[in-house]
Amino acid sequence: GYIRDMTLAELQQLDAGYTFSTDDGKTFPYRGQGITVPALEELFQKYPDLHYGIEIKQTPPEVAMPFCALIRKYNLQNKVLVSSFRKDNMDAFRRECPEVATSAVEDEVRLLFFTHLVGLHGLVTPAYQSLQIPERGGGFELLTPQFIAAAHSRGLQVQPWTINDEADLRRITALGVDGINTDFPDRLLNILKEVKEP
């Protein structure tokens, strides 16, 4: 079923490690280990020093108020980056919590990208601090050195998603992006260690 149709108590009855496999389904090392879905507040309490990238999914815009209150309660305004595919959710969150960094929604990425193509990206005043974008979108190559430079010139971080292949991670790291969303952080960390070590 949909997460939005379940209560937290119902979600926490599920085995969050049930389908996780590192060997294409041969073994499931976390199945039956008591791993459950944590509430956001539990994460904030247990890991107050981490930085968080949190995506607002299919929730009503009204979630912005309690979400922002929770971030403020744990004084994590400078440690959270919020993204969403839904403009109404992002608009609501930005109104409620203007001190917390956000990522551009699709329309905002499109505007910056096309103004960049004609050399007018300097006219865009971003309401966001990050571009979390795929390599390609709408038939265009988004992750070009030129667009990354245009974003950087506007004070924006570029954090592409979701990059999993090791060769792709190496290639995209070399472009000078500010972060990479990946399902395999160990691969990315190994590549970053190699880059730092001569």
C-alpha atoms as a PDB file:
ATOM      1  CA  GLY A   1       0.000   0.000   0.000  1.00  0.00           C
ATOM      2  CA  TYR A   2       0.869   3.672  -0.001  1.00  0.00           C
ATOM      3  CA  ILE A   3       2.830   5.041   2.933  1.00  0.00           C
ATOM      4  CA  ARG A   4       0.504   8.048   3.007  1.00  0.00           C
ATOM      5  CA  ASP A   5      -2.409   5.717   3.809  1.00  0.00           C
ATOM      6  CA  MET A   6      -0.685   4.184   6.842  1.00  0.00           C
ATOM      7  CA  THR A   7      -0.153   5.381  10.379  1.00  0.00           C
ATOM      8  CA  LEU A   8       3.323   5.549  11.878  1.00  0.00           C
ATOM      9  CA  ALA A   9       2.379   2.662  14.195  1.00  0.00           C
ATOM     10  CA  GLU A  10       1.428   0.543  11.167  1.00  0.00           C
ATOM     11  CA  LEU A  11       4.651   1.436   9.371  1.00  0.00           C
ATOM     12  CA  GLN A  12       6.725   0.570  12.412  1.00  0.00           C
ATOM     13  CA  GLN A  13       5.293  -2.950  12.424  1.00  0.00           C
ATOM     14  CA  LEU A  14       7.018  -3.601   9.092  1.00  0.00           C
ATOM     15  CA  ASP A  15      10.491  -5.104   8.705  1.00  0.00           C
ATOM     16  CA  ALA A  16      12.449  -2.254   7.092  1.00  0.00           C
ATOM     17  CA  GLY A  17      15.344  -4.589   6.249  1.00  0.00           C
ATOM     18  CA  TYR A  18      13.198  -7.296   4.686  1.00  0.00           C
ATOM     19  CA  THR A  19      14.022  -6.727   1.007  1.00  0.00           C
ATOM     20  CA  PHE A  20      17.487  -5.170   1.372  1.00  0.00           C
ATOM     21  CA  SER A  21      20.131  -7.240  -0.367  1.00  0.00           C
ATOM     22  CA  THR A  22      23.709  -6.502  -1.340  1.00  0.00           C
ATOM     23  CA  ASP A  23      23.985  -9.503  -3.667  1.00  0.00           C
ATOM     24  CA  ASP A  24      20.971  -9.249  -5.990  1.00  0.00           C
ATOM     25  CA  GLY A  25      18.641 -11.194  -3.723  1.00  0.00           C
ATOM     26  CA  LYS A  26      20.836 -14.145  -2.819  1.00  0.00           C
ATOM     27  CA  THR A  27      20.865 -13.116   0.829  1.00  0.00           C
ATOM     28  CA  PHE A  28      18.968 -10.637   2.981  1.00  0.00           C
ATOM     29  CA  PRO A  29      21.330  -9.825   5.848  1.00  0.00           C
ATOM     30  CA  TYR A  30      19.024  -7.387   7.632  1.00  0.00           C
ATOM     31  CA  ARG A  31      15.810  -9.411   7.401  1.00  0.00           C
ATOM     32  CA  GLY A  32      14.377 -10.258  10.806  1.00  0.00           C
ATOM     33  CA  GLN A  33      16.901  -8.083  12.664  1.00  0.00           C
ATOM     34  CA  GLY A  34      14.303  -5.786  14.232  1.00  0.00           C
ATOM     35  CA  ILE A  35      15.006  -2.865  11.908  1.00  0.00           C
ATOM     36  CA  THR A  36      11.946  -0.637  11.727  1.00  0.00           C
ATOM     37  CA  VAL A  37      11.016   2.642  10.065  1.00  0.00           C
ATOM     38  CA  PRO A  38      12.116   5.485  12.369  1.00  0.00           C
ATOM     39  CA  ALA A  39      10.141   8.643  12.916  1.00  0.00           C
ATOM     40  CA  LEU A  40      11.981  11.780  11.800  1.00  0.00           C
ATOM     41  CA  GLU A  41      12.154  13.004  15.379  1.00  0.00           C
ATOM     42  CA  GLU A  42      13.915   9.781  16.399  1.00  0.00           C
ATOM     43  CA  LEU A  43      16.600  10.447  13.780  1.00  0.00           C
ATOM     44  CA  PHE A  44      17.003  14.056  14.903  1.00  0.00           C
ATOM     45  CA  GLN A  45      17.368  12.878  18.517  1.00  0.00           C
ATOM     46  CA  LYS A  46      19.803  10.059  17.785  1.00  0.00           C
ATOM     47  CA  TYR A  47      21.928  11.846  15.163  1.00  0.00           C
ATOM     48  CA  PRO A  48      21.901  15.587  15.941  1.00  0.00           C
ATOM     49  CA  ASP A  49      25.270  16.179  14.238  1.00  0.00           C
ATOM     50  CA  LEU A  50      24.351  14.740  10.838  1.00  0.00           C
ATOM     51  CA  HIS A  51      23.265  16.721   7.803  1.00  0.00           C
ATOM     52  CA  TYR A  52      19.927  15.679   6.330  1.00  0.00           C
ATOM     53  CA  GLY A  53      18.499  15.697   2.822  1.00  0.00           C
ATOM     54  CA  ILE A  54      14.751  15.283   3.255  1.00  0.00           C
ATOM     55  CA  GLU A  55      12.264  15.005   0.419  1.00  0.00           C
ATOM     56  CA  ILE A  56       8.653  15.953   0.996  1.00  0.00           C
ATOM     57  CA  LYS A  57       6.681  13.233  -0.751  1.00  0.00           C
ATOM     58  CA  GLN A  58       2.952  12.900  -1.386  1.00  0.00           C
ATOM     59  CA  THR A  59       1.746  14.731   1.662  1.00  0.00           C
ATOM     60  CA  PRO A  60      -0.609  17.688   1.958  1.00  0.00           C
ATOM     61  CA  PRO A  61       1.075  21.114   2.060  1.00  0.00           C
ATOM     62  CA  GLU A  62      -0.101  21.473   5.661  1.00  0.00           C
ATOM     63  CA  VAL A  63       2.753  19.158   6.710  1.00  0.00           C
ATOM     64  CA  ALA A  64       5.088  22.147   6.303  1.00  0.00           C
ATOM     65  CA  MET A  65       4.146  23.618   9.692  1.00  0.00           C
ATOM     66  CA  PRO A  66       4.903  20.590  11.917  1.00  0.00           C
ATOM     67  CA  PHE A  67       7.921  19.677   9.766  1.00  0.00           C
ATOM     68  CA  CYS A  68       9.415  23.140  10.184  1.00  0.00           C
ATOM     69  CA  ALA A  69       8.609  23.130  13.916  1.00  0.00           C
ATOM     70  CA  LEU A  70      10.499  19.850  14.304  1.00  0.00           C
ATOM     71  CA  ILE A  71      13.564  21.218  12.507  1.00  0.00           C
ATOM     72  CA  ARG A  72      13.514  24.297  14.727  1.00  0.00           C
ATOM     73  CA  LYS A  73      12.965  22.230  17.900  1.00  0.00           C
ATOM     74  CA  TYR A  74      16.262  20.440  17.302  1.00  0.00           C
ATOM     75  CA  ASN A  75      18.018  23.563  15.979  1.00  0.00           C
ATOM     76  CA  LEU A  76      18.834  21.887  12.670  1.00  0.00           C
ATOM     77  CA  GLN A  77      18.030  24.797  10.371  1.00  0.00           C
ATOM     78  CA  ASN A  78      21.595  24.765   9.002  1.00  0.00           C
ATOM     79  CA  LYS A  79      21.773  20.975   8.694  1.00  0.00           C
ATOM     80  CA  VAL A  80      18.686  20.216   6.613  1.00  0.00           C
ATOM     81  CA  LEU A  81      18.147  20.502   2.860  1.00  0.00           C
ATOM     82  CA  VAL A  82      14.528  20.005   1.781  1.00  0.00           C
ATOM     83  CA  SER A  83      13.437  18.906  -1.674  1.00  0.00           C
ATOM     84  CA  SER A  84      10.133  17.979  -3.311  1.00  0.00           C
ATOM     85  CA  PHE A  85       8.747  17.258  -6.740  1.00  0.00           C
ATOM     86  CA  ARG A  86       5.536  18.999  -5.699  1.00  0.00           C
ATOM     87  CA  LYS A  87       5.588  22.768  -6.072  1.00  0.00           C
ATOM     88  CA  ASP A  88       2.688  23.313  -3.647  1.00  0.00           C
ATOM     89  CA  ASN A  89       4.565  21.428  -0.920  1.00  0.00           C
ATOM     90  CA  MET A  90       7.763  23.355  -1.567  1.00  0.00           C
ATOM     91  CA  ASP A  91       5.966  26.697  -1.640  1.00  0.00           C
ATOM     92  CA  ALA A  92       4.287  25.898   1.686  1.00  0.00           C
ATOM     93  CA  PHE A  93       7.544  24.804   3.268  1.00  0.00           C
ATOM     94  CA  ARG A  94       9.438  27.887   2.070  1.00  0.00           C
ATOM     95  CA  ARG A  95       6.718  30.172   3.466  1.00  0.00           C
ATOM     96  CA  GLU A  96       6.772  28.380   6.810  1.00  0.00           C
ATOM     97  CA  CYS A  97      10.516  27.829   7.133  1.00  0.00           C
ATOM     98  CA  PRO A  98      12.459  30.375   5.041  1.00  0.00           C
ATOM     99  CA  GLU A  99      15.652  29.828   7.028  1.00  0.00           C
ATOM    100  CA  VAL A 100      16.014  26.211   5.871  1.00  0.00           C
ATOM    101  CA  ALA A 101      17.747  25.465   2.555  1.00  0.00           C
ATOM    102  CA  THR A 102      15.671  23.992  -0.253  1.00  0.00           C
ATOM    103  CA  SER A 103      16.283  22.455  -3.627  1.00  0.00           C
ATOM    104  CA  ALA A 104      14.734  23.733  -6.852  1.00  0.00           C
ATOM    105  CA  VAL A 105      11.517  22.159  -8.094  1.00  0.00           C
ATOM    106  CA  GLU A 106      11.235  21.114 -11.730  1.00  0.00           C
ATOM    107  CA  ASP A 107       9.863  24.432 -13.051  1.00  0.00           C
ATOM    108  CA  GLU A 108      12.662  26.325 -11.305  1.00  0.00           C
ATOM    109  CA  VAL A 109      15.312  24.039 -12.777  1.00  0.00           C
ATOM    110  CA  ARG A 110      13.768  24.481 -16.213  1.00  0.00           C
ATOM    111  CA  LEU A 111      13.791  28.298 -15.920  1.00  0.00           C
ATOM    112  CA  LEU A 112      17.419  28.404 -14.788  1.00  0.00           C
ATOM    113  CA  PHE A 113      18.498  25.920 -17.443  1.00  0.00           C
ATOM    114  CA  PHE A 114      16.863  27.703 -20.391  1.00  0.00           C
ATOM    115  CA  THR A 115      17.972  31.164 -19.269  1.00  0.00           C
ATOM    116  CA  HIS A 116      21.487  29.708 -18.982  1.00  0.00           C
ATOM    117  CA  LEU A 117      21.301  28.484 -22.585  1.00  0.00           C
ATOM    118  CA  VAL A 118      20.735  32.038 -23.788  1.00  0.00           C
ATOM    119  CA  GLY A 119      23.204  33.590 -21.334  1.00  0.00           C
ATOM    120  CA  LEU A 120      20.576  35.204 -19.092  1.00  0.00           C
ATOM    121  CA  HIS A 121      20.803  33.041 -15.960  1.00  0.00           C
ATOM    122  CA  GLY A 122      22.138  36.073 -14.088  1.00  0.00           C
ATOM    123  CA  LEU A 123      18.619  37.504 -14.230  1.00  0.00           C
ATOM    124  CA  VAL A 124      17.199  34.599 -12.207  1.00  0.00           C
ATOM    125  CA  THR A 125      16.901  35.181  -8.465  1.00  0.00           C
ATOM    126  CA  PRO A 126      16.699  31.689  -6.983  1.00  0.00           C
ATOM    127  CA  ALA A 127      14.390  30.961  -4.058  1.00  0.00           C
ATOM    128  CA  TYR A 128      16.456  27.812  -3.486  1.00  0.00           C
ATOM    129  CA  GLN A 129      20.028  26.897  -2.634  1.00  0.00           C
ATOM    130  CA  SER A 130      20.490  23.619  -4.468  1.00  0.00           C
ATOM    131  CA  LEU A 131      19.868  21.909  -7.786  1.00  0.00           C
ATOM    132  CA  GLN A 132      19.183  18.215  -7.267  1.00  0.00           C
ATOM    133  CA  ILE A 133      18.886  17.121 -10.871  1.00  0.00           C
ATOM    134  CA  PRO A 134      19.238  14.062 -13.071  1.00  0.00           C
ATOM    135  CA  GLU A 135      21.892  13.897 -15.768  1.00  0.00           C
ATOM    136  CA  ARG A 136      19.271  14.380 -18.463  1.00  0.00           C
ATOM    137  CA  GLY A 137      15.786  15.811 -18.490  1.00  0.00           C
ATOM    138  CA  GLY A 138      13.271  16.789 -21.138  1.00  0.00           C
ATOM    139  CA  GLY A 139      15.636  15.675 -23.884  1.00  0.00           C
ATOM    140  CA  PHE A 140      18.471  17.900 -22.629  1.00  0.00           C
ATOM    141  CA  GLU A 141      21.814  17.118 -21.038  1.00  0.00           C
ATOM    142  CA  LEU A 142      21.622  18.971 -17.724  1.00  0.00           C
ATOM    143  CA  LEU A 143      24.933  18.013 -16.132  1.00  0.00           C
ATOM    144  CA  THR A 144      27.232  19.978 -18.373  1.00  0.00           C
ATOM    145  CA  PRO A 145      30.263  21.923 -17.152  1.00  0.00           C
ATOM    146  CA  GLN A 146      28.577  25.088 -18.462  1.00  0.00           C
ATOM    147  CA  PHE A 147      25.343  24.600 -16.514  1.00  0.00           C
ATOM    148  CA  ILE A 148      27.220  23.615 -13.364  1.00  0.00           C
ATOM    149  CA  ALA A 149      29.290  26.810 -13.700  1.00  0.00           C
ATOM    150  CA  ALA A 150      26.111  28.853 -14.269  1.00  0.00           C
ATOM    151  CA  ALA A 151      24.574  27.379 -11.110  1.00  0.00           C
ATOM    152  CA  HIS A 152      27.737  28.049  -9.125  1.00  0.00           C
ATOM    153  CA  SER A 153      27.764  31.640 -10.364  1.00  0.00           C
ATOM    154  CA  ARG A 154      24.331  32.048  -8.741  1.00  0.00           C
ATOM    155  CA  GLY A 155      25.603  30.571  -5.450  1.00  0.00           C
ATOM    156  CA  LEU A 156      23.840  27.248  -5.973  1.00  0.00           C
ATOM    157  CA  GLN A 157      25.078  23.785  -5.153  1.00  0.00           C
ATOM    158  CA  VAL A 158      24.641  21.049  -7.760  1.00  0.00           C
ATOM    159  CA  GLN A 159      23.818  17.600  -6.386  1.00  0.00           C
ATOM    160  CA  PRO A 160      22.803  15.156  -9.134  1.00  0.00           C
ATOM    161  CA  TRP A 161      20.667  12.074  -8.548  1.00  0.00           C
ATOM    162  CA  THR A 162      20.562   9.063  -8.548  1.00  0.00           C
ATOM    163  CA  ILE A 163      24.061   8.029  -9.636  1.00  0.00           C
ATOM    164  CA  ASN A 164      24.970   4.431  -8.790  1.00  0.00           C
ATOM    165  CA  ASP A 165      27.331   3.064 -11.426  1.00  0.00           C
ATOM    166  CA  GLU A 166      30.982   3.407 -10.379  1.00  0.00           C
ATOM    167  CA  ALA A 167      32.103   4.745 -13.766  1.00  0.00           C
ATOM    168  CA  ASP A 168      29.299   7.329 -13.685  1.00  0.00           C
ATOM    169  CA  LEU A 169      30.226   8.313 -10.133  1.00  0.00           C
ATOM    170  CA  ARG A 170      33.824   8.904 -11.215  1.00  0.00           C
ATOM    171  CA  ARG A 171      32.821  10.892 -14.300  1.00  0.00           C
ATOM    172  CA  ILE A 172      30.308  13.075 -12.472  1.00  0.00           C
ATOM    173  CA  THR A 173      32.595  13.683  -9.501  1.00  0.00           C
ATOM    174  CA  ALA A 174      35.160  15.035 -11.976  1.00  0.00           C
ATOM    175  CA  LEU A 175      32.616  17.621 -13.200  1.00  0.00           C
ATOM    176  CA  GLY A 176      32.948  19.538  -9.932  1.00  0.00           C
ATOM    177  CA  VAL A 177      29.502  18.882  -8.502  1.00  0.00           C
ATOM    178  CA  ASP A 178      28.919  19.630  -4.816  1.00  0.00           C
ATOM    179  CA  GLY A 179      27.408  16.291  -3.848  1.00  0.00           C
ATOM    180  CA  ILE A 180      25.876  13.181  -5.366  1.00  0.00           C
ATOM    181  CA  ASN A 181      22.706  11.357  -4.401  1.00  0.00           C
ATOM    182  CA  THR A 182      23.426   7.637  -4.632  1.00  0.00           C
ATOM    183  CA  ASP A 183      22.133   4.328  -3.328  1.00  0.00           C
ATOM    184  CA  PHE A 184      25.766   3.221  -2.856  1.00  0.00           C
ATOM    185  CA  PRO A 185      27.536   5.781  -0.654  1.00  0.00           C
ATOM    186  CA  ASP A 186      30.381   3.310  -0.056  1.00  0.00           C
ATOM    187  CA  ARG A 187      31.292   3.470  -3.753  1.00  0.00           C
ATOM    188  CA  LEU A 188      31.279   7.256  -3.717  1.00  0.00           C
ATOM    189  CA  LEU A 189      33.324   7.424  -0.504  1.00  0.00           C
ATOM    190  CA  ASN A 190      35.957   5.105  -1.988  1.00  0.00           C
ATOM    191  CA  ILE A 191      36.223   7.285  -5.085  1.00  0.00           C
ATOM    192  CA  LEU A 192      36.533  10.445  -2.968  1.00  0.00           C
ATOM    193  CA  LYS A 193      39.279   8.817  -0.888  1.00  0.00           C
ATOM    194  CA  GLU A 194      41.178   7.938  -4.064  1.00  0.00           C
ATOM    195  CA  VAL A 195      40.917  11.521  -5.292  1.00  0.00           C
ATOM    196  CA  LYS A 196      42.279  12.891  -1.996  1.00  0.00           C
ATOM    197  CA  GLU A 197      45.155  10.440  -1.809  1.00  0.00           C
ATOM    198  CA  PRO A 198      47.968  10.999  -4.338  1.00  0.00           C
END
